[in-house]
Amino acid sequence: MKKTLYLQLCAAALAACLAALFAGMRGAVSAALAGAICILPSAWFALRLSLRARRSGSVSSADFFIGEFVKVATTLALLVVAVKLYAVHWPSLLFGMAIVLQASFLAFWKKS
């Protein structure tokens, strides 16, 4: 889980740098916001699952699905808040979200 979060953090930094190069500061902030919007709920979900597994020895499928639902709902809520509070650059925001969300798949390519 840590590897996935680290990859998402690196992907968010890369997306922000690329957005700054092509869209300026507003694009960089939008891409960084997208990274935070995706990483924070994922980190909460990973922490919740690891605490459940440590406490009871295993995680039930109900815990997983409830946690995943809360993660998606939190991501959507943070996205709405970011759009309301900041004049986002939409292409950079969507680019940042796509890069960060796809970075989690890279964690499965290499076995640890």
Protein backbone atom coordinates (compact mmCIF):
# COMPACT_ATOMS: atom_id res chain seq x y z
CA MET A 1 0.00 0.00 0.00
CA LYS A 2 2.87 2.34 0.77
CA LYS A 3 4.35 1.73 -2.65
CA THR A 4 1.08 2.74 -4.31
CA LEU A 5 0.87 5.96 -2.32
CA TYR A 6 4.49 6.83 -3.11
CA LEU A 7 3.90 6.21 -6.81
CA GLN A 8 0.79 8.39 -6.70
CA LEU A 9 2.74 11.14 -4.98
CA CYS A 10 5.49 10.99 -7.61
CA ALA A 11 2.89 10.99 -10.38
CA ALA A 12 1.22 14.06 -8.85
CA ALA A 13 4.54 15.89 -8.75
CA LEU A 14 5.25 14.93 -12.36
CA ALA A 15 1.76 16.02 -13.47
CA ALA A 16 2.16 19.36 -11.67
CA CYS A 17 5.54 19.96 -13.33
CA LEU A 18 4.19 19.11 -16.77
CA ALA A 19 1.11 21.27 -16.21
CA ALA A 20 3.33 24.16 -15.13
CA LEU A 21 5.34 23.77 -18.30
CA PHE A 22 2.31 23.81 -20.59
CA ALA A 23 -0.36 25.78 -18.69
CA GLY A 24 1.52 27.96 -16.23
CA MET A 25 0.99 28.36 -12.51
CA ARG A 26 -2.78 27.91 -12.63
CA GLY A 27 -2.31 24.59 -14.41
CA ALA A 28 0.32 23.47 -11.91
CA VAL A 29 -1.94 24.27 -8.97
CA SER A 30 -4.85 22.48 -10.65
CA ALA A 31 -2.75 19.36 -11.25
CA ALA A 32 -1.43 19.46 -7.68
CA LEU A 33 -5.00 19.78 -6.40
CA ALA A 34 -5.96 16.77 -8.49
CA GLY A 35 -3.12 14.82 -6.91
CA ALA A 36 -4.21 15.78 -3.40
CA ILE A 37 -7.83 14.97 -4.23
CA CYS A 38 -6.81 11.45 -5.25
CA ILE A 39 -4.05 10.75 -2.73
CA LEU A 40 -5.75 11.83 0.51
CA PRO A 41 -8.72 9.42 0.27
CA SER A 42 -6.41 6.62 -0.88
CA ALA A 43 -4.13 7.19 2.11
CA TRP A 44 -7.12 7.16 4.46
CA PHE A 45 -8.38 3.94 2.87
CA ALA A 46 -4.98 2.25 3.18
CA LEU A 47 -4.61 3.34 6.79
CA ARG A 48 -8.12 2.12 7.65
CA LEU A 49 -7.53 -1.29 6.06
CA SER A 50 -4.14 -1.76 7.70
CA LEU A 51 -5.56 -0.87 11.13
CA ARG A 52 -8.46 -3.30 10.62
CA ALA A 53 -6.08 -6.06 9.55
CA ARG A 54 -3.78 -5.42 12.50
CA ARG A 55 -6.65 -5.40 15.00
CA SER A 56 -8.59 -8.45 13.83
CA GLY A 57 -6.02 -10.30 11.74
CA SER A 58 -8.01 -10.03 8.52
CA VAL A 59 -10.22 -7.64 6.59
CA SER A 60 -13.72 -8.64 5.59
CA SER A 61 -15.08 -7.91 2.15
CA ALA A 62 -17.71 -5.64 3.74
CA ASP A 63 -14.93 -3.52 5.31
CA PHE A 64 -13.24 -3.28 1.93
CA PHE A 65 -16.36 -2.27 0.01
CA ILE A 66 -17.50 0.24 2.62
CA GLY A 67 -14.03 1.75 2.67
CA GLU A 68 -13.94 1.91 -1.12
CA PHE A 69 -17.35 3.59 -1.22
CA VAL A 70 -16.22 6.18 1.32
CA LYS A 71 -13.02 6.73 -0.66
CA VAL A 72 -14.92 7.42 -3.89
CA ALA A 73 -17.44 9.66 -2.12
CA THR A 74 -14.63 11.60 -0.43
CA THR A 75 -12.82 12.01 -3.75
CA LEU A 76 -15.95 13.43 -5.36
CA ALA A 77 -16.60 15.74 -2.41
CA LEU A 78 -13.02 17.05 -2.48
CA LEU A 79 -13.32 17.61 -6.22
CA VAL A 80 -16.47 19.69 -5.74
CA VAL A 81 -14.80 21.72 -2.99
CA ALA A 82 -11.71 22.35 -5.13
CA VAL A 83 -13.81 23.49 -8.09
CA LYS A 84 -15.88 25.81 -5.90
CA LEU A 85 -12.91 27.38 -4.11
CA TYR A 86 -10.40 27.68 -6.96
CA ALA A 87 -10.76 28.59 -10.62
CA VAL A 88 -9.24 25.35 -11.86
CA HIS A 89 -7.66 24.82 -15.24
CA TRP A 90 -9.79 21.87 -16.33
CA PRO A 91 -7.36 20.17 -18.73
CA SER A 92 -4.62 20.22 -16.08
CA LEU A 93 -6.99 18.99 -13.37
CA LEU A 94 -8.21 16.10 -15.50
CA PHE A 95 -4.67 15.29 -16.64
CA GLY A 96 -3.47 15.26 -13.04
CA MET A 97 -6.31 13.01 -11.92
CA ALA A 98 -5.77 10.59 -14.80
CA ILE A 99 -2.03 10.33 -14.15
CA VAL A 100 -2.39 9.87 -10.39
CA LEU A 101 -5.20 7.33 -10.63
CA GLN A 102 -3.29 5.29 -13.20
CA ALA A 103 -0.12 5.33 -11.12
CA SER A 104 -1.61 2.81 -8.71
CA PHE A 105 -1.52 0.20 -11.47
CA LEU A 106 2.25 0.60 -11.73
CA ALA A 107 2.60 -0.72 -8.19
CA PHE A 108 1.47 -4.15 -9.37
CA TRP A 109 4.04 -4.40 -12.17
CA LYS A 110 6.95 -5.02 -9.86
CA LYS A 111 6.73 -7.59 -7.12
CA SER A 112 8.30 -6.57 -3.84
